[in-house]
Amino acid sequence: MTDSQDSPLVSVIMNAHNSEEFLAEALASVLAQSYTNWEVILWDNASTDGSRAVAESLEDGRIHYFQVPGKVSLYQSRVNALARASGPLIAFLDCDDTWHPDKLSRQVPEFSDPSVVASCTHYHVFYSQPDPAQAMRVTRTYRPSHVELIDVLSDYRVGMLTLMIRRDACKRFLPETPPDFSIIEDLDIVARVLQGGSLAAVSEALATYRMHDNNFSRDVGLLVEERDAWLEAFNEWCPPDISRERVRRAFQSATYQILARQSLIEGSRSKTLRNARQMIMGIDKVKYLVVGALTPRGVWPALLARFSAP
């Protein structure tokens, strides 16, 4: 490999909307990277706070700030920012999350394998209003080092803040006008990109996700609604070498897993068992849900922590 291939430019996509409170901390975690060949595409989605002042105060030529007057969806904002990226590798960081200093240096080497089109890592979850039992915990990604599209659809574990993908795969597979998703745009991005190869999972926690009370991903009803819409749209671009029926069963099984977890949180044992029965795949997690539905509520937090993810 040439020097440029050994240390390719990584374009970091950051999408901001009134992100002044945490933006400086997020940018500082990029500036602190041990891997230094990066650029930031900071796409300000019609902010009305001091986000611009925070970005410009850093005076680093690698940070490129773009402000647009009209607010669009996060997915569309990501696609717009991608058009400004120069590097062959793309990473994503939301403006309230942070990276470990070695995040980029640990992921870039994964792309020396030409079959790899994406990479993700474990990450920490930080609760702004911490429960003493889990103020900070680790969300783990896949155990095999390389996973395929069907694995991701069966059990989605990719944190967007850890995702790195090849830019040419983005140009090839992502639509210029993306679907209207508020929560699962990350799943759609990963699934489309994996048409071109495999996902390399790094078994280290290399980022921190900040959980707020208003995180979209906690709206379970909307999440399930969007997953149903995604599955219907998937039929239009499903790769020819993948069984649509297998994907449907795996994806619906994962949706029932979400519903079963929500039922467990709400204290409904009957709903938990009913949803767990529908989880055709993911047997390891079924047993925790079934046990949870049959045990006292006092031990449920430990069961939830065993298989939950933001």
Protein backbone atom coordinates (compact mmCIF):
# COMPACT_ATOMS: atom_id res chain seq x y z
CA MET A 1 0.00 0.00 0.00
CA THR A 2 1.13 3.57 -0.64
CA ASP A 3 1.46 6.16 2.13
CA SER A 4 -1.80 7.78 1.06
CA GLN A 5 -3.54 4.40 1.30
CA ASP A 6 -2.01 3.72 4.71
CA SER A 7 -3.24 7.08 6.04
CA PRO A 8 -6.24 8.07 3.89
CA LEU A 9 -8.15 11.25 4.56
CA VAL A 10 -11.17 10.62 6.79
CA SER A 11 -14.08 13.02 6.26
CA VAL A 12 -15.99 13.39 9.53
CA ILE A 13 -19.65 14.28 8.97
CA MET A 14 -21.14 16.31 11.83
CA ASN A 15 -24.72 17.52 11.54
CA ALA A 16 -25.73 20.34 13.86
CA HIS A 17 -29.05 21.89 14.77
CA ASN A 18 -28.91 24.20 17.78
CA SER A 19 -26.03 22.11 19.13
CA GLU A 20 -24.15 24.85 20.97
CA GLU A 21 -24.28 23.14 24.38
CA PHE A 22 -22.17 20.09 23.48
CA LEU A 23 -20.57 21.02 20.14
CA ALA A 24 -17.25 22.19 21.59
CA GLU A 25 -16.81 18.89 23.46
CA ALA A 26 -17.61 16.85 20.35
CA LEU A 27 -15.17 18.83 18.19
CA ALA A 28 -12.49 18.61 20.89
CA SER A 29 -12.72 14.81 20.71
CA VAL A 30 -11.97 14.99 16.97
CA LEU A 31 -9.09 17.39 17.50
CA ALA A 32 -7.67 14.95 20.07
CA GLN A 33 -7.48 12.04 17.60
CA SER A 34 -4.13 10.27 17.38
CA TYR A 35 -4.92 9.84 13.67
CA THR A 36 -4.49 13.33 12.23
CA ASN A 37 -5.40 13.04 8.54
CA TRP A 38 -9.03 14.07 8.83
CA GLU A 39 -11.40 16.86 7.90
CA VAL A 40 -14.70 17.83 9.52
CA ILE A 41 -17.72 18.66 7.40
CA LEU A 42 -19.85 20.52 9.94
CA TRP A 43 -23.27 20.88 8.36
CA ASP A 44 -25.39 23.35 10.32
CA ASN A 45 -29.05 22.56 9.70
CA ALA A 46 -30.59 26.04 10.23
CA SER A 47 -29.35 26.58 13.80
CA THR A 48 -30.49 29.71 15.63
CA ASP A 49 -28.08 29.44 18.57
CA GLY A 50 -24.32 29.94 18.85
CA SER A 51 -23.23 26.79 17.00
CA ARG A 52 -21.41 28.79 14.32
CA ALA A 53 -19.44 30.80 16.87
CA VAL A 54 -18.33 27.59 18.59
CA ALA A 55 -17.07 26.10 15.32
CA GLU A 56 -15.27 29.23 14.17
CA SER A 57 -13.62 29.79 17.55
CA LEU A 58 -11.43 26.72 17.01
CA GLU A 59 -9.63 28.23 14.00
CA ASP A 60 -8.57 24.87 12.57
CA GLY A 61 -8.37 24.67 8.78
CA ARG A 62 -9.52 21.06 8.82
CA ILE A 63 -12.96 22.11 10.09
CA HIS A 64 -15.24 23.16 7.23
CA TYR A 65 -18.45 24.86 8.35
CA PHE A 66 -21.56 25.01 6.16
CA GLN A 67 -24.81 26.65 7.22
CA VAL A 68 -28.08 26.15 5.37
CA PRO A 69 -31.11 28.41 5.88
CA GLY A 70 -33.89 25.82 5.74
CA LYS A 71 -34.11 22.83 8.09
CA VAL A 72 -34.34 19.41 6.48
CA SER A 73 -34.38 15.88 7.89
CA LEU A 74 -31.23 14.52 9.51
CA TYR A 75 -30.93 11.89 6.77
CA GLN A 76 -31.12 14.53 4.02
CA SER A 77 -28.67 16.69 5.95
CA ARG A 78 -26.20 13.79 6.13
CA VAL A 79 -26.53 13.18 2.37
CA ASN A 80 -25.99 16.90 1.66
CA ALA A 81 -22.87 16.93 3.84
CA LEU A 82 -21.51 13.81 2.12
CA ALA A 83 -21.46 15.73 -1.16
CA ARG A 84 -18.83 18.06 0.37
CA ALA A 85 -16.59 15.28 1.68
CA SER A 86 -13.16 14.76 0.08
CA GLY A 87 -11.82 11.68 1.84
CA PRO A 88 -12.16 8.08 0.64
CA LEU A 89 -13.39 7.19 4.14
CA ILE A 90 -16.39 8.75 5.89
CA ALA A 91 -17.04 8.82 9.63
CA PHE A 92 -20.05 10.22 11.50
CA LEU A 93 -20.24 12.06 14.81
CA ASP A 94 -23.33 13.77 16.18
CA CYS A 95 -22.70 17.03 17.98
CA ASP A 96 -23.57 15.75 21.46
CA ASP A 97 -21.38 12.63 21.26
CA THR A 98 -17.61 12.14 21.60
CA TRP A 99 -14.83 9.85 20.42
CA HIS A 100 -11.99 8.06 22.17
CA PRO A 101 -8.61 9.50 21.00
CA ASP A 102 -7.71 6.29 19.14
CA LYS A 103 -11.07 5.83 17.41
CA LEU A 104 -9.92 6.68 13.89
CA SER A 105 -6.52 5.02 14.21
CA ARG A 106 -8.18 1.74 15.22
CA GLN A 107 -10.73 1.75 12.41
CA VAL A 108 -8.80 2.94 9.36
CA PRO A 109 -6.65 -0.25 9.12
CA GLU A 110 -9.82 -2.35 8.78
CA PHE A 111 -10.20 -0.95 5.26
CA SER A 112 -6.97 -2.54 4.03
CA ASP A 113 -9.27 -5.49 3.31
CA PRO A 114 -11.02 -4.57 0.02
CA SER A 115 -14.10 -6.61 0.99
CA VAL A 116 -14.78 -4.27 3.92
CA VAL A 117 -17.06 -1.33 3.10
CA ALA A 118 -17.94 -0.30 6.66
CA SER A 119 -16.70 -0.54 10.23
CA CYS A 120 -18.20 0.02 13.68
CA THR A 121 -17.08 -0.32 17.31
CA HIS A 122 -18.43 -0.80 20.80
CA TYR A 123 -19.40 2.46 22.50
CA HIS A 124 -20.26 3.83 25.92
CA VAL A 125 -23.69 5.22 26.74
CA PHE A 126 -23.75 8.23 29.04
CA TYR A 127 -27.01 9.18 30.73
CA SER A 128 -27.44 12.94 31.21
CA GLN A 129 -29.79 12.22 34.13
CA PRO A 130 -27.93 9.16 35.38
CA ASP A 131 -29.48 6.18 37.02
CA PRO A 132 -26.81 5.24 39.59
CA ALA A 133 -27.04 1.65 38.37
CA GLN A 134 -26.05 2.53 34.79
CA ALA A 135 -24.73 6.09 34.53
CA MET A 136 -22.22 4.77 32.00
CA ARG A 137 -22.40 1.41 30.28
CA VAL A 138 -20.97 -0.23 27.18
CA THR A 139 -23.10 -1.09 24.17
CA ARG A 140 -21.43 -3.93 22.31
CA THR A 141 -21.43 -4.49 18.58
CA TYR A 142 -21.02 -7.82 16.80
CA ARG A 143 -18.76 -10.61 18.07
CA PRO A 144 -17.58 -11.88 14.64
CA SER A 145 -15.01 -9.52 13.16
CA HIS A 146 -16.84 -9.38 9.80
CA VAL A 147 -20.62 -9.43 9.43
CA GLU A 148 -22.93 -9.32 6.42
CA LEU A 149 -26.16 -7.52 5.59
CA ILE A 150 -28.43 -10.30 6.85
CA ASP A 151 -26.67 -10.26 10.24
CA VAL A 152 -27.22 -6.52 10.59
CA LEU A 153 -30.90 -6.77 9.69
CA SER A 154 -31.42 -9.64 12.15
CA ASP A 155 -29.88 -7.75 15.06
CA TYR A 156 -28.97 -4.11 14.44
CA ARG A 157 -26.09 -3.05 16.71
CA VAL A 158 -24.35 -0.26 14.80
CA GLY A 159 -23.92 3.02 16.65
CA MET A 160 -23.89 5.84 14.09
CA LEU A 161 -21.22 7.63 16.12
CA THR A 162 -18.90 4.65 15.52
CA LEU A 163 -19.66 4.12 11.84
CA MET A 164 -16.97 4.48 9.17
CA ILE A 165 -17.75 3.73 5.52
CA ARG A 166 -16.15 3.98 2.11
CA ARG A 167 -17.17 7.14 0.23
CA ASP A 168 -17.43 5.28 -3.07
CA ALA A 169 -20.01 2.95 -1.48
CA CYS A 170 -22.00 6.00 -0.36
CA LYS A 171 -21.96 7.41 -3.89
CA ARG A 172 -22.97 4.06 -5.34
CA PHE A 173 -25.73 3.01 -2.96
CA LEU A 174 -27.19 6.01 -1.09
CA PRO A 175 -30.08 7.91 -2.72
CA GLU A 176 -29.73 11.65 -3.39
CA THR A 177 -33.21 12.11 -1.95
CA PRO A 178 -33.40 9.72 0.99
CA PRO A 179 -36.56 8.27 2.54
CA ASP A 180 -38.30 10.26 5.27
CA PHE A 181 -37.05 8.50 8.41
CA SER A 182 -36.61 10.25 11.77
CA ILE A 183 -35.09 7.35 13.72
CA ILE A 184 -33.81 4.57 11.47
CA GLU A 185 -31.89 6.59 8.89
CA ASP A 186 -28.71 5.04 10.27
CA LEU A 187 -30.02 1.52 9.65
CA ASP A 188 -30.98 2.48 6.10
CA ILE A 189 -27.51 3.93 5.44
CA VAL A 190 -25.72 0.85 6.80
CA ALA A 191 -28.00 -1.62 5.01
CA ARG A 192 -27.63 0.10 1.65
CA VAL A 193 -23.85 0.40 1.94
CA LEU A 194 -23.51 -3.29 2.86
CA GLN A 195 -24.73 -4.19 -0.62
CA GLY A 196 -21.08 -3.60 -1.55
CA GLY A 197 -19.30 -5.72 1.06
CA SER A 198 -18.96 -6.59 4.73
CA LEU A 199 -18.91 -4.71 8.04
CA ALA A 200 -15.77 -4.94 10.20
CA ALA A 201 -16.58 -4.82 13.92
CA VAL A 202 -13.91 -3.53 16.32
CA SER A 203 -14.33 -4.99 19.81
CA GLU A 204 -13.37 -1.86 21.74
CA ALA A 205 -15.50 0.98 23.13
CA LEU A 206 -14.19 3.93 21.12
CA ALA A 207 -17.00 6.48 21.44
CA THR A 208 -19.53 7.84 23.93
CA TYR A 209 -23.21 8.30 23.12
CA ARG A 210 -25.09 10.87 25.19
CA MET A 211 -28.61 9.73 26.09
CA HIS A 212 -31.20 12.49 26.59
CA ASP A 213 -34.84 12.33 27.60
CA ASN A 214 -35.70 13.56 24.09
CA ASN A 215 -33.62 11.03 22.10
CA PHE A 216 -35.65 9.98 19.04
CA SER A 217 -34.55 6.39 19.49
CA ARG A 218 -36.63 6.11 22.68
CA ASP A 219 -39.94 6.65 20.79
CA VAL A 220 -40.74 2.97 20.39
CA GLY A 221 -44.03 3.49 18.55
CA LEU A 222 -42.44 5.62 15.83
CA LEU A 223 -39.46 3.27 15.66
CA VAL A 224 -41.67 0.26 14.93
CA GLU A 225 -43.71 2.27 12.40
CA GLU A 226 -40.55 3.27 10.52
CA ARG A 227 -39.20 -0.28 10.58
CA ASP A 228 -42.41 -1.51 8.94
CA ALA A 229 -42.09 1.18 6.24
CA TRP A 230 -38.41 0.31 5.74
CA LEU A 231 -39.16 -3.37 5.22
CA GLU A 232 -41.74 -2.53 2.56
CA ALA A 233 -39.31 -0.20 0.74
CA PHE A 234 -36.47 -2.74 0.97
CA ASN A 235 -38.20 -4.91 -1.63
CA GLU A 236 -37.39 -2.25 -4.24
CA TRP A 237 -33.61 -2.57 -3.84
CA CYS A 238 -33.05 -5.95 -2.18
CA PRO A 239 -29.81 -7.46 -3.59
CA PRO A 240 -30.54 -10.40 -5.91
CA ASP A 241 -28.37 -12.79 -3.88
CA ILE A 242 -30.40 -12.25 -0.69
CA SER A 243 -33.68 -14.00 0.08
CA ARG A 244 -36.43 -11.42 0.62
CA GLU A 245 -38.31 -13.90 2.78
CA ARG A 246 -35.29 -14.50 5.00
CA VAL A 247 -34.81 -10.76 5.44
CA ARG A 248 -38.50 -10.29 6.21
CA ARG A 249 -38.47 -12.97 8.92
CA ALA A 250 -35.22 -11.70 10.46
CA PHE A 251 -36.30 -8.07 10.42
CA GLN A 252 -39.75 -8.74 11.83
CA SER A 253 -38.20 -10.90 14.52
CA ALA A 254 -36.01 -7.96 15.53
CA THR A 255 -39.08 -5.67 15.59
CA TYR A 256 -40.85 -8.06 17.97
CA GLN A 257 -37.73 -7.99 20.10
CA ILE A 258 -38.14 -4.20 20.41
CA LEU A 259 -41.82 -4.60 21.30
CA ALA A 260 -41.06 -7.32 23.84
CA ARG A 261 -38.48 -5.14 25.54
CA GLN A 262 -40.95 -2.26 25.72
CA SER A 263 -43.61 -4.57 27.19
CA LEU A 264 -41.12 -5.71 29.80
CA ILE A 265 -40.35 -2.10 30.73
CA GLU A 266 -44.09 -1.35 30.99
CA GLY A 267 -44.62 -4.35 33.27
CA SER A 268 -46.84 -6.40 30.96
CA ARG A 269 -45.84 -10.04 31.25
CA SER A 270 -48.51 -11.25 28.82
CA LYS A 271 -47.40 -8.83 26.07
CA THR A 272 -43.76 -9.71 26.68
CA LEU A 273 -44.46 -13.41 26.22
CA ARG A 274 -46.67 -12.80 23.18
CA ASN A 275 -44.01 -10.69 21.45
CA ALA A 276 -41.23 -13.07 22.47
CA ARG A 277 -43.06 -15.94 20.77
CA GLN A 278 -42.88 -13.99 17.51
CA MET A 279 -39.11 -13.66 17.73
CA ILE A 280 -38.34 -16.52 15.37
CA MET A 281 -34.64 -15.64 15.39
CA GLY A 282 -32.39 -14.25 18.12
CA ILE A 283 -33.08 -17.14 20.50
CA ASP A 284 -30.45 -15.99 23.02
CA LYS A 285 -32.44 -12.84 23.68
CA VAL A 286 -35.79 -14.64 23.74
CA LYS A 287 -34.79 -16.56 26.85
CA TYR A 288 -34.03 -13.35 28.76
CA LEU A 289 -37.39 -11.85 27.80
CA VAL A 290 -39.29 -14.99 28.76
CA VAL A 291 -37.46 -15.27 32.07
CA GLY A 292 -38.10 -11.57 32.67
CA ALA A 293 -41.82 -12.02 32.10
CA LEU A 294 -41.91 -14.77 34.72
CA THR A 295 -39.77 -13.14 37.41
CA PRO A 296 -40.35 -10.30 39.92
CA ARG A 297 -39.91 -6.74 38.61
CA GLY A 298 -37.04 -6.15 41.02
CA VAL A 299 -34.65 -8.16 38.87
CA TRP A 300 -35.78 -6.74 35.52
CA PRO A 301 -33.13 -3.98 35.27
CA ALA A 302 -30.39 -6.61 35.08
CA LEU A 303 -32.23 -8.47 32.33
CA LEU A 304 -32.84 -5.28 30.36
CA ALA A 305 -29.18 -4.32 30.59
CA ARG A 306 -28.28 -7.75 29.18
CA PHE A 307 -29.82 -7.13 25.79
CA SER A 308 -30.90 -3.49 25.55
CA ALA A 309 -29.44 -0.81 23.31
CA PRO A 310 -30.36 2.85 22.83
